Amino acid sequence: MATSHPPSAPGWPTTSRYVPAGDLTNDGNNDLLVRDASGQLTRYDGATNKPFAPSGPHLALGAGWNAYDQLTVPGDLTGDTRPDLLARTPSGDLYMYADNGAGQFKDPVKIGFGWGIYNTVVGAGDLNGDGFGDLLARDTSGVLWRYDGNGRGNLRRPGPPGRGLGHLQRARRSRRHHRRRQGGPRGPRHRRRPVALPRKRRGRLHRPRCGSAPAGRRI
């Protein structure tokens, strides 16, 4: 997950975004992606027992990355054991940048749309033990969704691994509504059946689409 909190070494600007990237260079050390305020993306190479520093070994990966509002590295999505990058646009399109084996990324592939319903998207590593990176996404109602990587550069359909405060607040509102429908704690002699919650309240409508179509094609 990209964060505005810089690494521990001094000299990092607070206007940049920092993305833990795993081992992009295949040297046994985790690396760091940094997007500066102008949109330039730079890879900083990790070293054993040394913090990342602005003056440390690095490689510029290109400009224009401010086109994305979320950057995260979930792990290996393509089945080659190398970490890959996911990037979301403000309009909700999701792109996958595969590691090219040389510490950089291949051309992006659009793997989904509709991801604007989530306010947080986090690469979580391999959560289910299948060897592929997975993704966590939290929607605006507080429900947390898990998307498993399929090893073919895409994500499987989601399942909700947990629900946060938003779900608890909805549950409390539902119970209050139920009590009002029944006439309070005691209730009338002949209670009405509670009205079922609309399906959209369950947080399961309009999930982002995932697939394996070529870049630019909606799926």
C-alpha atoms as a PDB file:
ATOM      1  CA  MET A   1       0.000   0.000   0.000  1.00  0.00           C
ATOM      2  CA  ALA A   2       1.273   3.474  -0.857  1.00  0.00           C
ATOM      3  CA  THR A   3       1.780   5.729   2.130  1.00  0.00           C
ATOM      4  CA  SER A   4       2.884   9.306   2.683  1.00  0.00           C
ATOM      5  CA  HIS A   5       4.977   8.214   5.683  1.00  0.00           C
ATOM      6  CA  PRO A   6       8.633   8.240   4.577  1.00  0.00           C
ATOM      7  CA  PRO A   7      11.233   5.619   5.567  1.00  0.00           C
ATOM      8  CA  SER A   8      13.167   6.079   8.785  1.00  0.00           C
ATOM      9  CA  ALA A   9      16.274   7.616   7.235  1.00  0.00           C
ATOM     10  CA  PRO A  10      16.194  11.435   7.016  1.00  0.00           C
ATOM     11  CA  GLY A  11      15.773  13.412   3.817  1.00  0.00           C
ATOM     12  CA  TRP A  12      12.612  11.833   2.379  1.00  0.00           C
ATOM     13  CA  PRO A  13       9.947  14.355   1.297  1.00  0.00           C
ATOM     14  CA  THR A  14       6.507  14.058   2.868  1.00  0.00           C
ATOM     15  CA  THR A  15       4.906  14.909  -0.492  1.00  0.00           C
ATOM     16  CA  SER A  16       6.023  11.579  -1.988  1.00  0.00           C
ATOM     17  CA  ARG A  17       4.194   8.254  -1.842  1.00  0.00           C
ATOM     18  CA  TYR A  18       6.059   5.146  -0.642  1.00  0.00           C
ATOM     19  CA  VAL A  19       5.198   1.609  -1.753  1.00  0.00           C
ATOM     20  CA  PRO A  20       6.873  -1.494  -0.250  1.00  0.00           C
ATOM     21  CA  ALA A  21       7.614  -3.562  -3.317  1.00  0.00           C
ATOM     22  CA  GLY A  22       9.140  -6.878  -2.320  1.00  0.00           C
ATOM     23  CA  ASP A  23      12.269  -8.122  -4.053  1.00  0.00           C
ATOM     24  CA  LEU A  24      12.079  -6.555  -7.508  1.00  0.00           C
ATOM     25  CA  THR A  25      15.778  -7.039  -8.320  1.00  0.00           C
ATOM     26  CA  ASN A  26      16.041 -10.693  -7.207  1.00  0.00           C
ATOM     27  CA  ASP A  27      18.968  -9.999  -4.881  1.00  0.00           C
ATOM     28  CA  GLY A  28      17.291 -11.293  -1.725  1.00  0.00           C
ATOM     29  CA  ASN A  29      16.411  -7.826  -0.376  1.00  0.00           C
ATOM     30  CA  ASN A  30      13.084  -6.036  -0.468  1.00  0.00           C
ATOM     31  CA  ASP A  31      12.917  -2.854  -2.501  1.00  0.00           C
ATOM     32  CA  LEU A  32      10.942   0.373  -2.279  1.00  0.00           C
ATOM     33  CA  LEU A  33       8.964   2.308  -4.892  1.00  0.00           C
ATOM     34  CA  VAL A  34       8.709   6.065  -4.444  1.00  0.00           C
ATOM     35  CA  ARG A  35       6.415   8.332  -6.436  1.00  0.00           C
ATOM     36  CA  ASP A  36       7.293  11.993  -6.031  1.00  0.00           C
ATOM     37  CA  ALA A  37       4.944  14.963  -6.278  1.00  0.00           C
ATOM     38  CA  SER A  38       5.597  15.348 -10.014  1.00  0.00           C
ATOM     39  CA  GLY A  39       4.567  11.748 -10.762  1.00  0.00           C
ATOM     40  CA  GLN A  40       8.052  10.294 -11.223  1.00  0.00           C
ATOM     41  CA  LEU A  41       8.351   6.688 -10.005  1.00  0.00           C
ATOM     42  CA  THR A  42      11.717   5.522  -8.685  1.00  0.00           C
ATOM     43  CA  ARG A  43      12.872   2.141  -7.437  1.00  0.00           C
ATOM     44  CA  TYR A  44      15.169   2.199  -4.401  1.00  0.00           C
ATOM     45  CA  ASP A  45      17.166  -0.991  -3.904  1.00  0.00           C
ATOM     46  CA  GLY A  46      17.161  -2.616  -0.500  1.00  0.00           C
ATOM     47  CA  ALA A  47      20.275  -3.761   1.312  1.00  0.00           C
ATOM     48  CA  THR A  48      20.790  -6.054   4.281  1.00  0.00           C
ATOM     49  CA  ASN A  49      20.586  -4.244   7.650  1.00  0.00           C
ATOM     50  CA  LYS A  50      20.531  -0.815   6.005  1.00  0.00           C
ATOM     51  CA  PRO A  51      17.624   1.647   5.875  1.00  0.00           C
ATOM     52  CA  PHE A  52      16.447   3.121   2.606  1.00  0.00           C
ATOM     53  CA  ALA A  53      18.027   6.517   1.977  1.00  0.00           C
ATOM     54  CA  PRO A  54      17.400   9.144  -0.730  1.00  0.00           C
ATOM     55  CA  SER A  55      21.036   8.871  -1.758  1.00  0.00           C
ATOM     56  CA  GLY A  56      20.998   5.074  -1.903  1.00  0.00           C
ATOM     57  CA  PRO A  57      21.052   2.950  -5.085  1.00  0.00           C
ATOM     58  CA  HIS A  58      17.998   3.738  -7.179  1.00  0.00           C
ATOM     59  CA  LEU A  59      16.579   3.639 -10.692  1.00  0.00           C
ATOM     60  CA  ALA A  60      14.036   5.985 -12.280  1.00  0.00           C
ATOM     61  CA  LEU A  61      11.138   3.991 -13.743  1.00  0.00           C
ATOM     62  CA  GLY A  62       9.263   6.724 -15.546  1.00  0.00           C
ATOM     63  CA  ALA A  63       6.970   9.725 -15.231  1.00  0.00           C
ATOM     64  CA  GLY A  64       3.188  10.101 -15.265  1.00  0.00           C
ATOM     65  CA  TRP A  65       2.435   7.904 -12.265  1.00  0.00           C
ATOM     66  CA  ASN A  66       0.305  10.615 -10.665  1.00  0.00           C
ATOM     67  CA  ALA A  67      -2.433   9.337 -12.999  1.00  0.00           C
ATOM     68  CA  TYR A  68      -3.101   6.764 -10.244  1.00  0.00           C
ATOM     69  CA  ASP A  69      -4.553   7.362  -6.801  1.00  0.00           C
ATOM     70  CA  GLN A  70      -3.652   3.893  -5.445  1.00  0.00           C
ATOM     71  CA  LEU A  71      -0.424   1.933  -5.908  1.00  0.00           C
ATOM     72  CA  THR A  72       0.212  -1.386  -4.209  1.00  0.00           C
ATOM     73  CA  VAL A  73       2.272  -4.551  -4.640  1.00  0.00           C
ATOM     74  CA  PRO A  74       0.300  -7.666  -3.630  1.00  0.00           C
ATOM     75  CA  GLY A  75       3.064 -10.114  -4.578  1.00  0.00           C
ATOM     76  CA  ASP A  76       3.262 -12.443  -7.560  1.00  0.00           C
ATOM     77  CA  LEU A  77       0.149 -12.240  -9.732  1.00  0.00           C
ATOM     78  CA  THR A  78       1.514 -13.817 -12.914  1.00  0.00           C
ATOM     79  CA  GLY A  79       3.005 -17.079 -11.626  1.00  0.00           C
ATOM     80  CA  ASP A  80       6.663 -16.184 -12.253  1.00  0.00           C
ATOM     81  CA  THR A  81       7.491 -15.714  -8.516  1.00  0.00           C
ATOM     82  CA  ARG A  82       8.267 -12.013  -9.039  1.00  0.00           C
ATOM     83  CA  PRO A  83       6.248  -9.228  -7.362  1.00  0.00           C
ATOM     84  CA  ASP A  84       3.861  -7.272  -9.562  1.00  0.00           C
ATOM     85  CA  LEU A  85       2.314  -3.835  -9.184  1.00  0.00           C
ATOM     86  CA  LEU A  86      -1.353  -2.834  -9.168  1.00  0.00           C
ATOM     87  CA  ALA A  87      -2.426   0.732  -9.925  1.00  0.00           C
ATOM     88  CA  ARG A  88      -5.904   2.257  -9.724  1.00  0.00           C
ATOM     89  CA  THR A  89      -7.077   5.408 -11.462  1.00  0.00           C
ATOM     90  CA  PRO A  90      -9.400   7.917  -9.755  1.00  0.00           C
ATOM     91  CA  SER A  91     -12.172   6.738 -12.094  1.00  0.00           C
ATOM     92  CA  GLY A  92     -11.828   3.177 -10.744  1.00  0.00           C
ATOM     93  CA  ASP A  93      -9.913   1.373 -13.507  1.00  0.00           C
ATOM     94  CA  LEU A  94      -7.411  -1.202 -12.247  1.00  0.00           C
ATOM     95  CA  TYR A  95      -4.131  -1.925 -14.052  1.00  0.00           C
ATOM     96  CA  MET A  96      -1.533  -4.622 -13.496  1.00  0.00           C
ATOM     97  CA  TYR A  97       2.171  -3.964 -14.121  1.00  0.00           C
ATOM     98  CA  ALA A  98       4.063  -7.248 -14.287  1.00  0.00           C
ATOM     99  CA  ASP A  99       7.697  -7.427 -13.191  1.00  0.00           C
ATOM    100  CA  ASN A 100       9.864  -7.842 -16.293  1.00  0.00           C
ATOM    101  CA  GLY A 101      12.633  -9.769 -14.519  1.00  0.00           C
ATOM    102  CA  ALA A 102      15.065  -6.841 -14.623  1.00  0.00           C
ATOM    103  CA  GLY A 103      13.709  -4.819 -11.724  1.00  0.00           C
ATOM    104  CA  GLN A 104      11.294  -2.833 -13.892  1.00  0.00           C
ATOM    105  CA  PHE A 105       7.749  -3.322 -15.154  1.00  0.00           C
ATOM    106  CA  LYS A 106       6.156  -4.423 -18.389  1.00  0.00           C
ATOM    107  CA  ASP A 107       3.452  -2.404 -20.127  1.00  0.00           C
ATOM    108  CA  PRO A 108       0.242  -2.166 -18.091  1.00  0.00           C
ATOM    109  CA  VAL A 109      -2.724  -4.468 -18.576  1.00  0.00           C
ATOM    110  CA  LYS A 110      -6.187  -3.305 -17.558  1.00  0.00           C
ATOM    111  CA  ILE A 111      -7.694  -6.038 -15.411  1.00  0.00           C
ATOM    112  CA  GLY A 112     -10.827  -4.405 -14.031  1.00  0.00           C
ATOM    113  CA  PHE A 113     -13.058  -1.386 -13.569  1.00  0.00           C
ATOM    114  CA  GLY A 114     -15.438  -0.132 -10.901  1.00  0.00           C
ATOM    115  CA  TRP A 115     -12.812  -0.132  -8.163  1.00  0.00           C
ATOM    116  CA  GLY A 116     -13.788   3.394  -7.130  1.00  0.00           C
ATOM    117  CA  ILE A 117     -16.212   1.884  -4.597  1.00  0.00           C
ATOM    118  CA  TYR A 118     -13.185   1.132  -2.399  1.00  0.00           C
ATOM    119  CA  ASN A 119     -11.453   3.810  -0.341  1.00  0.00           C
ATOM    120  CA  THR A 120      -8.473   1.588   0.462  1.00  0.00           C
ATOM    121  CA  VAL A 121      -6.756  -1.081  -1.647  1.00  0.00           C
ATOM    122  CA  VAL A 122      -3.866  -2.997  -0.069  1.00  0.00           C
ATOM    123  CA  GLY A 123      -1.589  -5.689  -1.439  1.00  0.00           C
ATOM    124  CA  ALA A 124      -1.539  -8.362   1.262  1.00  0.00           C
ATOM    125  CA  GLY A 125       0.847 -11.025   0.013  1.00  0.00           C
ATOM    126  CA  ASP A 126      -0.209 -14.675  -0.185  1.00  0.00           C
ATOM    127  CA  LEU A 127      -3.111 -14.972   2.259  1.00  0.00           C
ATOM    128  CA  ASN A 128      -4.467 -18.354   1.146  1.00  0.00           C
ATOM    129  CA  GLY A 129      -1.231 -20.275   0.638  1.00  0.00           C
ATOM    130  CA  ASP A 130      -1.537 -20.854  -3.103  1.00  0.00           C
ATOM    131  CA  GLY A 131       1.703 -19.026  -3.962  1.00  0.00           C
ATOM    132  CA  PHE A 132       0.039 -15.977  -5.530  1.00  0.00           C
ATOM    133  CA  GLY A 133      -0.391 -12.488  -4.151  1.00  0.00           C
ATOM    134  CA  ASP A 134      -3.779 -11.396  -2.827  1.00  0.00           C
ATOM    135  CA  LEU A 135      -5.492  -8.052  -2.407  1.00  0.00           C
ATOM    136  CA  LEU A 136      -7.581  -6.516   0.370  1.00  0.00           C
ATOM    137  CA  ALA A 137     -10.076  -3.750  -0.394  1.00  0.00           C
ATOM    138  CA  ARG A 138     -12.245  -1.815   2.058  1.00  0.00           C
ATOM    139  CA  ASP A 139     -15.457  -0.239   0.813  1.00  0.00           C
ATOM    140  CA  THR A 140     -17.008   2.982   2.086  1.00  0.00           C
ATOM    141  CA  SER A 141     -19.399   1.121   4.399  1.00  0.00           C
ATOM    142  CA  GLY A 142     -16.533  -0.549   6.250  1.00  0.00           C
ATOM    143  CA  VAL A 143     -16.711  -4.025   4.694  1.00  0.00           C
ATOM    144  CA  LEU A 144     -13.342  -5.615   3.940  1.00  0.00           C
ATOM    145  CA  TRP A 145     -13.075  -7.748   0.793  1.00  0.00           C
ATOM    146  CA  ARG A 146     -10.366 -10.202  -0.242  1.00  0.00           C
ATOM    147  CA  TYR A 147      -9.409 -10.785  -3.868  1.00  0.00           C
ATOM    148  CA  ASP A 148      -7.212 -13.828  -4.473  1.00  0.00           C
ATOM    149  CA  GLY A 149      -4.606 -13.721  -7.222  1.00  0.00           C
ATOM    150  CA  ASN A 150      -5.112 -16.390  -9.874  1.00  0.00           C
ATOM    151  CA  GLY A 151      -1.514 -16.707 -11.086  1.00  0.00           C
ATOM    152  CA  ARG A 152      -2.495 -15.537 -14.580  1.00  0.00           C
ATOM    153  CA  GLY A 153      -2.149 -11.808 -14.022  1.00  0.00           C
ATOM    154  CA  ASN A 154      -5.595 -11.276 -12.580  1.00  0.00           C
ATOM    155  CA  LEU A 155      -7.812 -11.630  -9.522  1.00  0.00           C
ATOM    156  CA  ARG A 156     -10.589 -14.040  -8.647  1.00  0.00           C
ATOM    157  CA  ARG A 157     -14.056 -12.994  -7.497  1.00  0.00           C
ATOM    158  CA  PRO A 158     -14.078 -11.460  -4.027  1.00  0.00           C
ATOM    159  CA  GLY A 159     -15.079 -12.808  -0.672  1.00  0.00           C
ATOM    160  CA  PRO A 160     -15.492 -10.720   2.502  1.00  0.00           C
ATOM    161  CA  PRO A 161     -12.887 -11.831   5.104  1.00  0.00           C
ATOM    162  CA  GLY A 162     -14.125  -9.392   7.723  1.00  0.00           C
ATOM    163  CA  ARG A 163     -16.417  -6.490   8.463  1.00  0.00           C
ATOM    164  CA  GLY A 164     -15.478  -3.342  10.288  1.00  0.00           C
ATOM    165  CA  LEU A 165     -17.288  -0.633  12.206  1.00  0.00           C
ATOM    166  CA  GLY A 166     -19.510   0.197   9.250  1.00  0.00           C
ATOM    167  CA  HIS A 167     -21.040  -3.277   9.394  1.00  0.00           C
ATOM    168  CA  LEU A 168     -21.565  -3.038  13.170  1.00  0.00           C
ATOM    169  CA  GLN A 169     -23.281   0.334  12.800  1.00  0.00           C
ATOM    170  CA  ARG A 170     -25.570  -1.070  10.099  1.00  0.00           C
ATOM    171  CA  ALA A 171     -26.386  -4.024  12.345  1.00  0.00           C
ATOM    172  CA  ARG A 172     -27.330  -1.714  15.224  1.00  0.00           C
ATOM    173  CA  ARG A 173     -29.539   0.371  12.933  1.00  0.00           C
ATOM    174  CA  SER A 174     -31.180  -2.830  11.692  1.00  0.00           C
ATOM    175  CA  ARG A 175     -31.957  -3.965  15.239  1.00  0.00           C
ATOM    176  CA  ARG A 176     -33.442  -0.574  16.139  1.00  0.00           C
ATOM    177  CA  HIS A 177     -35.536  -0.647  12.971  1.00  0.00           C
ATOM    178  CA  HIS A 178     -36.685  -4.171  13.832  1.00  0.00           C
ATOM    179  CA  ARG A 179     -37.746  -3.144  17.336  1.00  0.00           C
ATOM    180  CA  ARG A 180     -39.700  -0.178  16.000  1.00  0.00           C
ATOM    181  CA  ARG A 181     -41.500  -2.461  13.551  1.00  0.00           C
ATOM    182  CA  GLN A 182     -42.423  -4.730  16.464  1.00  0.00           C
ATOM    183  CA  GLY A 183     -43.717  -1.889  18.636  1.00  0.00           C
ATOM    184  CA  GLY A 184     -40.785  -1.577  21.053  1.00  0.00           C
ATOM    185  CA  PRO A 185     -39.274  -4.005  23.545  1.00  0.00           C
ATOM    186  CA  ARG A 186     -42.670  -5.456  24.563  1.00  0.00           C
ATOM    187  CA  GLY A 187     -44.388  -5.286  21.198  1.00  0.00           C
ATOM    188  CA  PRO A 188     -48.056  -5.704  20.317  1.00  0.00           C
ATOM    189  CA  ARG A 189     -49.861  -8.990  20.615  1.00  0.00           C
ATOM    190  CA  HIS A 190     -49.718  -9.562  16.853  1.00  0.00           C
ATOM    191  CA  ARG A 191     -46.292  -8.563  15.621  1.00  0.00           C
ATOM    192  CA  ARG A 192     -45.603  -7.825  12.000  1.00  0.00           C
ATOM    193  CA  ARG A 193     -42.911  -9.761  10.274  1.00  0.00           C
ATOM    194  CA  PRO A 194     -39.719  -7.677   9.983  1.00  0.00           C
ATOM    195  CA  VAL A 195     -39.061  -6.215   6.577  1.00  0.00           C
ATOM    196  CA  ALA A 196     -36.022  -7.755   4.889  1.00  0.00           C
ATOM    197  CA  LEU A 197     -33.123  -5.397   4.364  1.00  0.00           C
ATOM    198  CA  PRO A 198     -32.610  -4.291   0.756  1.00  0.00           C
ATOM    199  CA  ARG A 199     -29.963  -6.313  -0.957  1.00  0.00           C
ATOM    200  CA  LYS A 200     -27.795  -3.278  -1.553  1.00  0.00           C
ATOM    201  CA  ARG A 201     -27.385  -2.886   2.232  1.00  0.00           C
ATOM    202  CA  ARG A 202     -25.404  -6.107   2.321  1.00  0.00           C
ATOM    203  CA  GLY A 203     -22.487  -4.612   0.435  1.00  0.00           C
ATOM    204  CA  ARG A 204     -22.577  -7.189  -2.349  1.00  0.00           C
ATOM    205  CA  LEU A 205     -23.894  -5.257  -5.310  1.00  0.00           C
ATOM    206  CA  HIS A 206     -21.775  -3.761  -8.063  1.00  0.00           C
ATOM    207  CA  ARG A 207     -18.541  -5.501  -7.135  1.00  0.00           C
ATOM    208  CA  PRO A 208     -15.630  -4.494  -9.376  1.00  0.00           C
ATOM    209  CA  ARG A 209     -15.214  -6.739 -12.365  1.00  0.00           C
ATOM    210  CA  CYS A 210     -12.124  -8.941 -12.680  1.00  0.00           C
ATOM    211  CA  GLY A 211     -11.000 -10.870 -15.712  1.00  0.00           C
ATOM    212  CA  SER A 212      -8.130 -11.574 -18.035  1.00  0.00           C
ATOM    213  CA  ALA A 213      -9.016  -9.425 -21.043  1.00  0.00           C
ATOM    214  CA  PRO A 214      -6.319  -7.441 -22.888  1.00  0.00           C
ATOM    215  CA  ALA A 215      -5.439  -3.929 -21.733  1.00  0.00           C
ATOM    216  CA  GLY A 216      -8.105  -1.337 -22.368  1.00  0.00           C
ATOM    217  CA  ARG A 217     -11.005  -3.767 -22.731  1.00  0.00           C
ATOM    218  CA  ARG A 218     -13.763  -3.632 -20.158  1.00  0.00           C
ATOM    219  CA  ILE A 219     -14.621  -6.997 -18.691  1.00  0.00           C
END
